């Protein structure tokens, strides 16, 4: 058996190559109703563009049916249909290949280039925590998630600025944002001397305000960059201050001195150049103009300023249902935290917020709610926050819904473990002995084909930064992970509510259909807060139980990895 993991990208590439040179033809199916009969489709219209009569030659059909290659999923059949050329995979073989190497599908599809480095700069973290606006909070969360995604992809990442405000550090810890703290301030003496030399001609004899060293003309530098660069044409003079030079000094220090544990072979001493480093400024649209000034000032005052500076601009945040006209980031957190506590009190009864055992859970749920709200929209787009919306595990697009299903998975495996220790179930057999042909439910293939198999490609896409594109701006795909985890949770929830994994509760015996439905629904609602009812073992179905558990192990691995990319720990109960 081949050891290389299967990949959606590799399979699509091989399918398109099998039809000969030309534009991309094949698409991966994602909808459940289509996956009942096919996994990939070459639409009829695309085939007409490739072949004169839209008919694929017989020898190519044979090639497709026998398709092989590194990472290519084994094909069961390929046949013309009214929709186009339909292809279905050997599903038991795909289940076996994927579920026999679960850990391999929780890592990026392709490693980063050796020595690739990214300096992430988030200016919002120089403000005080109590004054942090929601648009600035969005930049912080985007930068934190992007840093995690890049590091998972093997990229060496440095975060700037180092935070000095202790209240900001406390708030970041509350948000589970991993950001460095300042030990000492970088010296700006050299930059100050250079700046004073540049400012001599700009001094017109007028008295300058305290802290302002003078003015520097940036118009010439903007014109040199050309209109395609994306700098604001209104950029002209820049007031050079001590604070601005301190910011530049910190950026320059971070660029030239990387921590010893930042990347093998790149530690310690200054780098020989800045060509290998990409600087990404993550700023809100309100701060974009000021950041462009800083960008140009860096180029003006430092001979070896980074050649590649890009600006990741986050769109505005529009809020409805806020208790006040201008809500700060800490107020936003407190508002959501209060909603989480209230929702839990309604579900479980009592004031759980006073229970130390629930303090950590409420904190995680509050942060999950905020991060999924802030990150589920592409960072470049405008974000709408409806604060009046209630927090509930039933809301299928919320962070609490994802965490709820994470807890359901934990409860399932804990229930199996307890039952096994009581002798109700045998120990889990070697994966090589499992019969994967027992996985034939539509929901099982949906979980594997739409969520587990494509996950390595998703991890790579979240870390993708097109630094070669012309212009000043850069795009990121930080919304992809939240959307993926929500869809995974929906697919898992639908499957889990419909399929018995461990067995049937003995308390269901003797009940009518309506009563059984009510009991089952009640159990589904309560299953994360109490042990499951005694499960009646069915020895003749242990084989199917084990392969389903192995499938859900893969789901759990993917879910936990995705949550880690957001800085969220998995919960065992809610």
Protein backbone atom coordinates (compact mmCIF):
# COMPACT_ATOMS: atom_id res chain seq x y z
CA UNK A 1 0.00 0.00 0.00
CA UNK A 2 1.33 3.46 -0.84
CA UNK A 3 2.28 5.49 2.23
CA UNK A 4 1.87 8.98 0.82
CA UNK A 5 -1.33 10.60 2.00
CA UNK A 6 -4.11 11.18 -0.47
CA UNK A 7 -4.83 14.73 -1.56
CA UNK A 8 -7.71 16.53 -3.25
CA UNK A 9 -5.26 18.77 -5.09
CA UNK A 10 -3.19 15.85 -6.33
CA UNK A 11 -6.29 13.99 -7.50
CA UNK A 12 -7.71 17.01 -9.34
CA UNK A 13 -4.33 17.65 -10.92
CA UNK A 14 -4.07 14.08 -12.18
CA UNK A 15 -7.66 14.15 -13.52
CA UNK A 16 -7.06 17.34 -15.49
CA UNK A 17 -3.69 16.11 -16.78
CA UNK A 18 -5.31 12.87 -18.01
CA UNK A 19 -7.49 14.87 -20.42
CA UNK A 20 -4.47 16.51 -22.00
CA UNK A 21 -3.32 20.15 -22.13
CA UNK A 22 -5.92 22.85 -21.67
CA UNK A 23 -7.89 24.70 -19.04
CA UNK A 24 -9.08 23.12 -15.79
CA UNK A 25 -12.12 20.89 -16.27
CA UNK A 26 -12.71 18.84 -13.13
CA UNK A 27 -14.41 20.02 -9.94
CA UNK A 28 -14.77 18.35 -6.56
CA UNK A 29 -18.34 17.77 -5.45
CA UNK A 30 -19.32 18.99 -1.99
CA UNK A 31 -23.12 18.74 -1.78
CA UNK A 32 -24.56 15.64 -0.15
CA UNK A 33 -27.09 15.03 -2.93
CA UNK A 34 -24.35 14.96 -5.57
CA UNK A 35 -22.02 12.80 -3.45
CA UNK A 36 -24.60 10.03 -3.51
CA UNK A 37 -23.53 9.21 -7.07
CA UNK A 38 -20.22 10.96 -7.79
CA UNK A 39 -17.18 12.56 -6.16
CA UNK A 40 -15.74 14.56 -9.08
CA UNK A 41 -17.42 16.01 -12.15
CA UNK A 42 -16.20 17.34 -15.48
CA UNK A 43 -19.24 19.49 -16.46
CA UNK A 44 -20.65 18.98 -19.93
CA UNK A 45 -20.03 22.61 -20.94
CA UNK A 46 -16.36 22.39 -19.93
CA UNK A 47 -15.99 19.19 -21.96
CA UNK A 48 -17.49 20.91 -25.01
CA UNK A 49 -14.80 23.57 -24.76
CA UNK A 50 -12.10 20.89 -24.61
CA UNK A 51 -13.52 18.39 -27.14
CA UNK A 52 -15.36 19.36 -30.34
CA UNK A 53 -18.47 17.28 -29.70
CA UNK A 54 -18.15 17.22 -25.91
CA UNK A 55 -17.49 13.48 -26.03
CA UNK A 56 -14.41 12.22 -24.23
CA UNK A 57 -12.53 9.64 -26.34
CA UNK A 58 -12.84 6.06 -25.14
CA UNK A 59 -9.12 5.67 -24.47
CA UNK A 60 -9.20 8.68 -22.13
CA UNK A 61 -12.10 7.16 -20.22
CA UNK A 62 -9.97 4.07 -19.70
CA UNK A 63 -7.04 6.23 -18.51
CA UNK A 64 -9.30 8.01 -16.01
CA UNK A 65 -10.74 4.75 -14.69
CA UNK A 66 -7.22 3.41 -14.06
CA UNK A 67 -5.79 6.68 -12.72
CA UNK A 68 -2.85 6.30 -10.34
CA UNK A 69 -0.10 8.44 -8.93
CA UNK A 70 1.36 9.89 -5.71
CA UNK A 71 -1.47 11.25 -3.58
CA UNK A 72 -4.13 10.30 -6.15
CA UNK A 73 -7.24 8.65 -4.73
CA UNK A 74 -8.15 5.28 -6.31
CA UNK A 75 -10.97 5.44 -8.87
CA UNK A 76 -13.95 3.09 -8.90
CA UNK A 77 -15.72 4.18 -12.08
CA UNK A 78 -15.81 6.98 -14.62
CA UNK A 79 -18.79 7.35 -16.94
CA UNK A 80 -20.61 9.97 -19.06
CA UNK A 81 -23.83 11.35 -17.52
CA UNK A 82 -26.23 14.16 -18.54
CA UNK A 83 -24.34 16.52 -16.18
CA UNK A 84 -20.97 15.61 -17.68
CA UNK A 85 -18.24 13.11 -16.96
CA UNK A 86 -18.89 11.62 -13.54
CA UNK A 87 -16.21 9.94 -11.44
CA UNK A 88 -16.56 8.00 -8.20
CA UNK A 89 -13.74 6.87 -5.94
CA UNK A 90 -13.17 3.50 -4.32
CA UNK A 91 -14.62 4.66 -1.03
CA UNK A 92 -13.59 1.73 1.24
CA UNK A 93 -10.03 2.08 -0.04
CA UNK A 94 -10.06 5.84 0.55
CA UNK A 95 -11.47 5.35 4.06
CA UNK A 96 -8.69 2.87 4.78
CA UNK A 97 -5.89 5.05 3.41
CA UNK A 98 -7.04 8.15 5.28
CA UNK A 99 -8.16 6.63 8.58
CA UNK A 100 -5.02 4.48 8.85
CA UNK A 101 -2.92 7.67 8.99
CA UNK A 102 -5.13 10.13 10.85
CA UNK A 103 -2.33 12.40 12.10
CA UNK A 104 -1.05 12.98 8.55
CA UNK A 105 -4.27 14.78 7.65
CA UNK A 106 -3.87 17.39 10.40
CA UNK A 107 -0.73 18.94 8.90
CA UNK A 108 -0.32 21.33 5.94
CA UNK A 109 -0.24 19.85 2.45
CA UNK A 110 3.12 21.38 1.53
CA UNK A 111 5.94 22.59 3.81
CA UNK A 112 7.22 26.14 3.70
CA UNK A 113 10.38 27.14 1.90
CA UNK A 114 13.46 26.84 4.15
CA UNK A 115 14.39 30.23 5.58
CA UNK A 116 11.07 31.91 4.80
CA UNK A 117 10.43 34.66 7.36
CA UNK A 118 7.53 37.00 8.02
CA UNK A 119 7.51 40.04 10.28
CA UNK A 120 3.92 40.73 11.38
CA UNK A 121 3.34 44.28 12.59
CA UNK A 122 0.06 45.17 14.36
CA UNK A 123 0.14 48.89 15.29
CA UNK A 124 -3.12 48.63 17.28
CA UNK A 125 -1.20 46.99 20.12
CA UNK A 126 0.54 50.26 20.91
CA UNK A 127 -2.74 51.69 22.21
CA UNK A 128 -4.07 51.12 25.72
CA UNK A 129 -6.41 48.20 26.33
CA UNK A 130 -9.27 50.37 27.61
CA UNK A 131 -9.20 52.44 24.40
CA UNK A 132 -8.87 49.55 21.93
CA UNK A 133 -11.56 49.94 19.27
CA UNK A 134 -13.39 46.98 17.73
CA UNK A 135 -11.74 47.63 14.36
CA UNK A 136 -8.36 47.45 16.10
CA UNK A 137 -9.36 44.27 17.93
CA UNK A 138 -10.12 42.77 14.56
CA UNK A 139 -6.56 43.46 13.36
CA UNK A 140 -5.14 41.86 16.52
CA UNK A 141 -7.16 38.67 16.04
CA UNK A 142 -6.33 38.51 12.33
CA UNK A 143 -2.60 38.93 13.05
CA UNK A 144 -2.66 36.29 15.80
CA UNK A 145 -4.49 33.74 13.64
CA UNK A 146 -2.23 34.45 10.66
CA UNK A 147 0.86 33.98 12.82
CA UNK A 148 -0.40 30.59 14.04
CA UNK A 149 -1.22 29.49 10.49
CA UNK A 150 2.18 30.55 9.17
CA UNK A 151 4.05 28.81 11.99
CA UNK A 152 2.07 25.61 11.44
CA UNK A 153 3.24 25.84 7.85
CA UNK A 154 6.88 26.06 8.94
CA UNK A 155 7.33 29.79 8.44
CA UNK A 156 9.50 31.75 10.87
CA UNK A 157 7.32 34.55 12.30
CA UNK A 158 8.24 37.61 14.38
CA UNK A 159 5.53 39.70 16.04
CA UNK A 160 5.80 43.47 16.55
CA UNK A 161 5.27 45.50 18.67
CA UNK A 162 6.23 43.92 21.95
CA UNK A 163 3.41 44.98 24.27
CA UNK A 164 4.30 47.34 27.12
CA UNK A 165 0.90 48.13 28.66
CA UNK A 166 0.25 45.53 31.42
CA UNK A 167 -3.51 45.94 31.00
CA UNK A 168 -3.16 45.13 27.30
CA UNK A 169 -1.16 42.01 28.16
CA UNK A 170 -3.88 40.88 30.57
CA UNK A 171 -6.56 41.48 27.96
CA UNK A 172 -4.60 39.55 25.31
CA UNK A 173 -4.22 36.63 27.71
CA UNK A 174 -7.96 36.78 28.31
CA UNK A 175 -8.48 36.59 24.53
CA UNK A 176 -5.92 33.77 24.25
CA UNK A 177 -3.82 35.84 21.90
CA UNK A 178 -0.17 34.79 21.98
CA UNK A 179 1.85 38.01 21.71
CA UNK A 180 5.29 38.96 23.11
CA UNK A 181 5.73 41.42 25.98
CA UNK A 182 8.33 44.20 25.96
CA UNK A 183 11.47 43.72 28.03
CA UNK A 184 13.18 46.96 27.03
CA UNK A 185 12.64 49.70 24.49
CA UNK A 186 14.68 49.63 21.29
CA UNK A 187 17.19 52.47 20.95
CA UNK A 188 16.31 55.08 18.33
CA UNK A 189 19.56 57.06 18.67
CA UNK A 190 20.93 56.13 15.21
CA UNK A 191 17.61 56.78 13.51
CA UNK A 192 17.30 60.12 15.31
CA UNK A 193 20.69 61.26 14.05
CA UNK A 194 19.84 60.26 10.50
CA UNK A 195 16.45 61.91 10.73
CA UNK A 196 17.93 65.21 11.92
CA UNK A 197 20.22 65.25 8.89
CA UNK A 198 17.22 64.79 6.57
CA UNK A 199 15.15 67.37 8.44
CA UNK A 200 17.62 70.27 8.21
CA UNK A 201 16.33 71.44 4.84
CA UNK A 202 12.74 71.02 5.97
CA UNK A 203 13.12 73.29 9.00
CA UNK A 204 11.61 76.68 8.19
CA UNK A 205 12.50 78.46 11.42
CA UNK A 206 9.13 78.02 13.11
CA UNK A 207 8.95 76.76 16.69
CA UNK A 208 8.11 73.07 16.81
CA UNK A 209 5.84 71.46 19.36
CA UNK A 210 7.47 69.29 22.04
CA UNK A 211 8.28 65.81 20.74
CA UNK A 212 8.26 66.91 17.07
CA UNK A 213 11.67 66.92 15.43
CA UNK A 214 10.53 68.42 12.14
CA UNK A 215 8.85 67.70 8.84
CA UNK A 216 9.93 65.35 6.09
CA UNK A 217 8.61 65.47 2.52
CA UNK A 218 7.39 62.09 1.28
CA UNK A 219 5.85 63.28 -1.99
CA UNK A 220 8.97 62.54 -3.98
CA UNK A 221 9.16 59.01 -2.62
CA UNK A 222 5.48 58.38 -3.42
CA UNK A 223 6.05 59.51 -7.01
CA UNK A 224 9.08 57.21 -7.30
CA UNK A 225 6.97 54.24 -6.23
CA UNK A 226 4.52 54.94 -9.07
CA UNK A 227 0.75 55.01 -9.05
CA UNK A 228 0.48 51.22 -9.16
CA UNK A 229 2.07 50.90 -5.72
CA UNK A 230 -1.15 51.93 -4.02
CA UNK A 231 0.08 54.78 -1.81
CA UNK A 232 -2.39 57.55 -1.11
CA UNK A 233 -1.68 60.41 -3.57
CA UNK A 234 -2.35 62.93 -0.77
CA UNK A 235 0.72 61.79 1.13
CA UNK A 236 3.07 64.75 1.32
CA UNK A 237 4.68 65.94 4.54
CA UNK A 238 5.22 63.76 7.59
CA UNK A 239 5.72 65.12 11.10
CA UNK A 240 8.68 63.19 12.50
CA UNK A 241 8.31 62.59 16.23
CA UNK A 242 10.29 60.78 18.89
CA UNK A 243 7.50 58.20 19.16
CA UNK A 244 7.54 57.58 15.41
CA UNK A 245 11.30 56.99 15.49
CA UNK A 246 10.85 54.58 18.41
CA UNK A 247 8.37 52.59 16.32
CA UNK A 248 10.83 52.45 13.41
CA UNK A 249 13.66 51.46 15.74
CA UNK A 250 11.63 48.52 17.08
CA UNK A 251 10.72 47.39 13.58
CA UNK A 252 14.31 47.61 12.43
CA UNK A 253 15.56 45.75 15.50
CA UNK A 254 13.00 42.98 14.97
CA UNK A 255 13.95 42.72 11.31
CA UNK A 256 17.64 42.28 11.94
CA UNK A 257 17.71 40.26 15.17
CA UNK A 258 15.55 37.15 15.30
CA UNK A 259 15.07 35.07 18.49
CA UNK A 260 17.33 32.06 18.83
CA UNK A 261 14.36 29.66 18.78
CA UNK A 262 12.62 31.35 15.83
CA UNK A 263 13.97 29.08 13.11
CA UNK A 264 16.73 26.48 12.83
CA UNK A 265 19.81 27.93 11.21
CA UNK A 266 18.58 31.54 11.33
CA UNK A 267 19.02 32.28 15.00
CA UNK A 268 21.06 34.83 16.84
CA UNK A 269 23.15 37.04 14.63
CA UNK A 270 21.80 39.67 12.23
CA UNK A 271 20.75 38.40 8.84
CA UNK A 272 22.85 39.13 5.78
CA UNK A 273 20.00 41.00 4.11
CA UNK A 274 16.30 41.78 4.15
CA UNK A 275 15.34 40.21 0.81
CA UNK A 276 14.21 36.95 2.42
CA UNK A 277 11.86 38.67 4.86
CA UNK A 278 8.33 39.83 4.17
CA UNK A 279 6.99 42.62 6.39
CA UNK A 280 3.20 42.63 6.74
CA UNK A 281 1.51 45.57 8.47
CA UNK A 282 -1.93 44.44 9.74
CA UNK A 283 -3.95 47.63 10.17
CA UNK A 284 -7.54 48.83 10.23
CA UNK A 285 -8.80 50.96 7.37
CA UNK A 286 -8.84 53.97 9.74
CA UNK A 287 -5.10 53.56 10.39
CA UNK A 288 -4.08 52.88 6.80
CA UNK A 289 -3.02 56.46 5.95
CA UNK A 290 -0.78 56.74 9.01
CA UNK A 291 0.77 53.34 8.33
CA UNK A 292 1.65 54.37 4.78
CA UNK A 293 3.54 57.34 6.24
CA UNK A 294 5.47 55.03 8.53
CA UNK A 295 6.22 52.68 5.64
CA UNK A 296 7.68 55.51 3.53
CA UNK A 297 9.53 57.03 6.46
CA UNK A 298 11.24 53.69 7.05
CA UNK A 299 12.38 53.65 3.44
CA UNK A 300 13.52 57.28 3.67
CA UNK A 301 15.58 57.03 6.85
CA UNK A 302 17.01 53.49 6.68
CA UNK A 303 19.36 52.48 3.87
CA UNK A 304 18.56 48.79 4.25
CA UNK A 305 14.85 49.01 4.89
CA UNK A 306 12.90 45.89 3.86
CA UNK A 307 12.29 45.64 0.14
CA UNK A 308 8.98 43.85 0.62
CA UNK A 309 6.48 45.70 2.77
CA UNK A 310 2.82 44.81 2.40
CA UNK A 311 -0.28 46.20 4.07
CA UNK A 312 -3.11 43.88 5.14
CA UNK A 313 -6.03 46.28 5.54
CA UNK A 314 -8.96 45.13 7.68
CA UNK A 315 -12.36 46.55 6.79
CA UNK A 316 -14.55 48.55 9.20
CA UNK A 317 -16.63 46.97 11.96
CA UNK A 318 -20.31 47.99 12.04
CA UNK A 319 -22.18 47.23 15.26
CA UNK A 320 -25.91 46.91 15.90
CA UNK A 321 -27.52 46.33 19.27
CA UNK A 322 -24.66 47.86 21.28
CA UNK A 323 -25.55 49.30 24.70
CA UNK A 324 -23.61 52.49 23.94
CA UNK A 325 -22.58 54.53 20.91
CA UNK A 326 -18.88 53.52 20.96
CA UNK A 327 -18.06 50.11 22.37
CA UNK A 328 -14.45 49.32 23.23
CA UNK A 329 -12.90 45.88 22.89
CA UNK A 330 -12.97 45.12 26.66
CA UNK A 331 -16.63 46.20 26.81
CA UNK A 332 -17.36 43.89 23.87
CA UNK A 333 -15.71 40.96 25.69
CA UNK A 334 -17.62 41.68 28.92
CA UNK A 335 -20.88 41.92 26.96
CA UNK A 336 -20.39 38.53 25.30
CA UNK A 337 -19.15 36.97 28.53
CA UNK A 338 -22.33 38.06 30.32
CA UNK A 339 -24.42 36.55 27.51
CA UNK A 340 -22.55 33.24 27.78
CA UNK A 341 -23.11 33.10 31.54
CA UNK A 342 -26.80 33.92 31.11
CA UNK A 343 -27.28 31.26 28.41
CA UNK A 344 -25.60 28.61 30.58
CA UNK A 345 -27.72 29.56 33.58
CA UNK A 346 -30.88 29.15 31.50
CA UNK A 347 -29.71 25.74 30.24
CA UNK A 348 -28.33 24.24 33.46
CA UNK A 349 -30.01 26.33 36.15
CA UNK A 350 -28.32 28.25 38.95
CA UNK A 351 -25.57 30.84 38.82
CA UNK A 352 -22.73 28.85 37.31
CA UNK A 353 -20.62 31.98 36.90
CA UNK A 354 -19.82 31.68 40.62
CA UNK A 355 -18.64 28.09 40.20
CA UNK A 356 -14.82 27.96 39.80
CA UNK A 357 -15.17 24.82 37.68
CA UNK A 358 -17.12 26.77 35.07
CA UNK A 359 -14.98 29.93 35.04
CA UNK A 360 -12.54 28.52 32.50
CA UNK A 361 -15.34 27.16 30.31
CA UNK A 362 -17.18 30.49 30.22
CA UNK A 363 -13.95 32.26 29.33
CA UNK A 364 -13.26 29.86 26.44
CA UNK A 365 -16.84 30.14 25.16
CA UNK A 366 -16.70 33.94 25.27
CA UNK A 367 -13.44 34.03 23.33
CA UNK A 368 -14.75 31.45 20.85
CA UNK A 369 -17.82 33.58 20.24
CA UNK A 370 -15.70 36.69 19.65
CA UNK A 371 -13.12 35.02 17.41
CA UNK A 372 -15.70 33.33 15.19
CA UNK A 373 -17.57 36.63 14.88
CA UNK A 374 -14.44 38.60 14.07
CA UNK A 375 -12.70 36.06 11.83
CA UNK A 376 -15.53 34.45 9.84
CA UNK A 377 -15.59 37.40 7.43
CA UNK A 378 -12.69 37.99 5.02
CA UNK A 379 -10.46 40.60 6.70
CA UNK A 380 -10.63 42.96 3.74
CA UNK A 381 -14.46 43.11 3.91
CA UNK A 382 -16.71 45.11 6.18
CA UNK A 383 -17.75 43.22 9.31
CA UNK A 384 -21.25 43.41 10.82
CA UNK A 385 -21.71 42.55 14.50
CA UNK A 386 -25.23 41.96 15.78
CA UNK A 387 -24.69 42.12 19.53
CA UNK A 388 -28.36 41.55 20.32
CA UNK A 389 -28.11 37.98 18.99
CA UNK A 390 -28.36 35.48 21.82
CA UNK A 391 -25.52 33.07 22.57
CA UNK A 392 -26.64 29.47 22.08
CA UNK A 393 -25.14 26.11 21.23
CA UNK A 394 -27.98 25.73 18.70
CA UNK A 395 -26.78 28.61 16.53
CA UNK A 396 -25.08 26.70 13.75
CA UNK A 397 -22.78 29.55 12.71
CA UNK A 398 -21.40 30.43 16.12
CA UNK A 399 -18.23 29.62 17.99
CA UNK A 400 -20.29 28.13 20.82
CA UNK A 401 -21.82 25.66 18.36
CA UNK A 402 -18.35 24.49 17.34
CA UNK A 403 -17.23 24.18 20.96
CA UNK A 404 -20.44 22.32 21.81
CA UNK A 405 -19.71 19.69 19.17
CA UNK A 406 -16.13 19.49 20.35
CA UNK A 407 -17.50 18.62 23.79
CA UNK A 408 -19.87 16.06 22.28
CA UNK A 409 -16.91 14.26 20.71
CA UNK A 410 -15.06 14.28 24.04
CA UNK A 411 -18.13 12.86 25.78
CA UNK A 412 -18.45 10.10 23.18
CA UNK A 413 -14.88 8.89 23.61
CA UNK A 414 -15.06 9.20 27.39
CA UNK A 415 -18.24 7.10 27.34
CA UNK A 416 -16.50 4.42 25.26
CA UNK A 417 -13.51 4.44 27.61
CA UNK A 418 -15.70 4.03 30.71
CA UNK A 419 -17.73 1.26 29.08
CA UNK A 420 -14.56 -0.52 28.01
CA UNK A 421 -13.16 -0.34 31.56
CA UNK A 422 -16.42 -1.87 32.81
CA UNK A 423 -16.03 -4.73 30.33
CA UNK A 424 -18.99 -3.74 28.17
CA UNK A 425 -16.80 -3.18 25.10
CA UNK A 426 -13.51 -4.76 24.06
CA UNK A 427 -10.34 -2.69 23.76
CA UNK A 428 -9.88 -0.87 20.49
CA UNK A 429 -8.32 -3.25 17.93
CA UNK A 430 -5.37 -2.38 15.66
CA UNK A 431 -6.45 -0.03 12.90
CA UNK A 432 -5.03 -2.44 10.32
CA UNK A 433 -7.65 -5.01 11.35
CA UNK A 434 -10.67 -2.74 10.84
CA UNK A 435 -13.13 -3.42 8.02
CA UNK A 436 -13.63 -0.03 6.39
CA UNK A 437 -16.27 -1.39 4.00
CA UNK A 438 -18.64 -1.08 6.99
CA UNK A 439 -18.57 2.70 6.52
CA UNK A 440 -21.31 3.16 3.95
CA UNK A 441 -23.55 5.85 5.47
CA UNK A 442 -23.78 9.06 3.41
CA UNK A 443 -22.83 11.14 6.44
CA UNK A 444 -19.63 9.15 6.94
CA UNK A 445 -18.40 9.84 3.42
CA UNK A 446 -19.42 13.50 3.79
CA UNK A 447 -17.26 13.83 6.91
CA UNK A 448 -14.25 12.23 5.27
CA UNK A 449 -14.47 13.67 1.75
CA UNK A 450 -15.48 17.24 2.67
CA UNK A 451 -13.70 17.69 5.97
CA UNK A 452 -10.82 15.29 6.67
CA UNK A 453 -9.36 14.70 3.21
CA UNK A 454 -9.18 18.42 2.19
CA UNK A 455 -7.95 19.68 5.58
CA UNK A 456 -4.20 19.70 4.73
CA UNK A 457 -4.97 21.88 1.68
CA UNK A 458 -7.02 24.21 3.87
CA UNK A 459 -4.14 24.60 6.34
CA UNK A 460 -1.88 25.59 3.46
CA UNK A 461 -4.41 28.07 2.07
CA UNK A 462 -4.79 29.85 5.42
CA UNK A 463 -1.03 30.46 5.44
CA UNK A 464 -0.93 31.66 1.83
CA UNK A 465 0.34 35.22 1.32
CA UNK A 466 0.87 36.40 -2.24
CA UNK A 467 3.92 38.56 -1.62
CA UNK A 468 4.85 38.63 -5.32
CA UNK A 469 1.68 40.47 -6.40
CA UNK A 470 2.28 44.10 -7.45
CA UNK A 471 1.13 46.92 -5.25
CA UNK A 472 1.17 47.77 -1.60
CA UNK A 473 -1.78 45.67 -0.40
CA UNK A 474 -1.91 41.99 0.36
CA UNK A 475 -4.83 39.66 1.02
CA UNK A 476 -5.11 36.88 3.58
CA UNK A 477 -7.59 34.03 3.99
CA UNK A 478 -8.08 34.14 7.75
CA UNK A 479 -11.83 33.56 7.35
CA UNK A 480 -11.40 30.06 5.93
CA UNK A 481 -10.72 28.22 9.19
CA UNK A 482 -13.81 29.51 11.01
CA UNK A 483 -16.06 28.71 8.07
CA UNK A 484 -14.52 25.25 7.77
CA UNK A 485 -14.97 24.43 11.47
CA UNK A 486 -18.60 25.57 11.38
CA UNK A 487 -19.32 23.34 8.37
CA UNK A 488 -17.46 20.42 9.96
CA UNK A 489 -19.54 20.85 13.12
CA UNK A 490 -22.76 20.94 11.11
CA UNK A 491 -21.85 17.75 9.24
CA UNK A 492 -20.78 16.00 12.43
CA UNK A 493 -23.86 17.14 14.36
CA UNK A 494 -26.19 15.90 11.62
CA UNK A 495 -24.44 12.52 11.51
CA UNK A 496 -24.20 12.15 15.29
CA UNK A 497 -27.86 12.98 15.87
CA UNK A 498 -28.91 10.36 13.33
CA UNK A 499 -26.47 7.46 13.84
CA UNK A 500 -25.90 5.44 17.01
CA UNK A 501 -22.16 5.05 17.49
CA UNK A 502 -21.95 2.99 20.71
CA UNK A 503 -25.36 1.39 20.92
CA UNK A 504 -28.94 1.99 22.07
CA UNK A 505 -29.90 2.98 25.61
CA UNK A 506 -31.78 0.24 27.48
CA UNK A 507 -34.11 2.93 28.82
CA UNK A 508 -35.58 3.28 25.31
CA UNK A 509 -37.07 -0.23 25.41
CA UNK A 510 -40.86 -0.31 25.49
CA UNK A 511 -41.29 3.30 24.35
CA UNK A 512 -43.31 4.32 21.32
CA UNK A 513 -41.76 6.20 18.39
CA UNK A 514 -42.73 9.64 19.69
CA UNK A 515 -41.49 8.86 23.20
CA UNK A 516 -38.20 7.46 21.85
CA UNK A 517 -37.72 10.64 19.81
CA UNK A 518 -38.28 12.84 22.88
CA UNK A 519 -35.85 10.81 24.97
CA UNK A 520 -33.25 10.84 22.21
CA UNK A 521 -33.61 14.61 21.78
CA UNK A 522 -33.29 15.16 25.53
CA UNK A 523 -30.16 13.00 25.63
CA UNK A 524 -28.64 14.95 22.72
CA UNK A 525 -29.23 18.21 24.59
CA UNK A 526 -27.82 16.95 27.89
CA UNK A 527 -25.05 14.64 26.72
CA UNK A 528 -22.20 17.13 27.20
CA UNK A 529 -23.11 17.90 30.81
CA UNK A 530 -23.57 14.39 32.23
CA UNK A 531 -22.44 10.80 31.53
CA UNK A 532 -24.33 8.95 28.83
CA UNK A 533 -26.95 6.44 29.78
CA UNK A 534 -25.89 2.81 29.99
CA UNK A 535 -25.27 1.54 26.48
CA UNK A 536 -26.46 -1.92 25.55
CA UNK A 537 -23.51 -3.69 23.89
CA UNK A 538 -24.07 -5.38 20.56
CA UNK A 539 -21.13 -7.75 19.90
CA UNK A 540 -22.19 -8.43 16.32
CA UNK A 541 -21.88 -4.70 15.58
CA UNK A 542 -18.55 -4.05 17.29
CA UNK A 543 -16.79 -3.96 13.91
CA UNK A 544 -18.99 -1.13 12.67
CA UNK A 545 -18.67 0.67 16.01
CA UNK A 546 -14.87 0.59 15.83
CA UNK A 547 -14.63 1.94 12.28
CA UNK A 548 -17.08 4.71 13.17
CA UNK A 549 -15.01 5.58 16.23
CA UNK A 550 -11.89 5.68 14.06
CA UNK A 551 -13.67 8.06 11.67
CA UNK A 552 -14.66 10.30 14.57
CA UNK A 553 -11.08 10.16 15.89
CA UNK A 554 -10.05 11.76 12.62
CA UNK A 555 -12.84 14.33 12.98
CA UNK A 556 -11.62 15.10 16.49
CA UNK A 557 -8.01 15.46 15.29
CA UNK A 558 -9.02 17.89 12.56
CA UNK A 559 -11.31 19.84 14.89
CA UNK A 560 -8.66 20.18 17.59
CA UNK A 561 -6.03 21.26 15.05
CA UNK A 562 -8.38 23.86 13.60
CA UNK A 563 -9.20 25.24 17.05
CA UNK A 564 -5.48 25.45 17.85
CA UNK A 565 -5.06 27.67 14.78
CA UNK A 566 -7.51 30.04 16.51
CA UNK A 567 -5.88 29.78 19.92
CA UNK A 568 -8.86 27.89 21.35
CA UNK A 569 -8.50 24.81 23.58
CA UNK A 570 -10.93 21.89 23.13
CA UNK A 571 -13.64 21.60 25.75
CA UNK A 572 -14.66 18.27 27.28
CA UNK A 573 -18.08 19.49 28.41
CA UNK A 574 -20.32 22.55 28.25
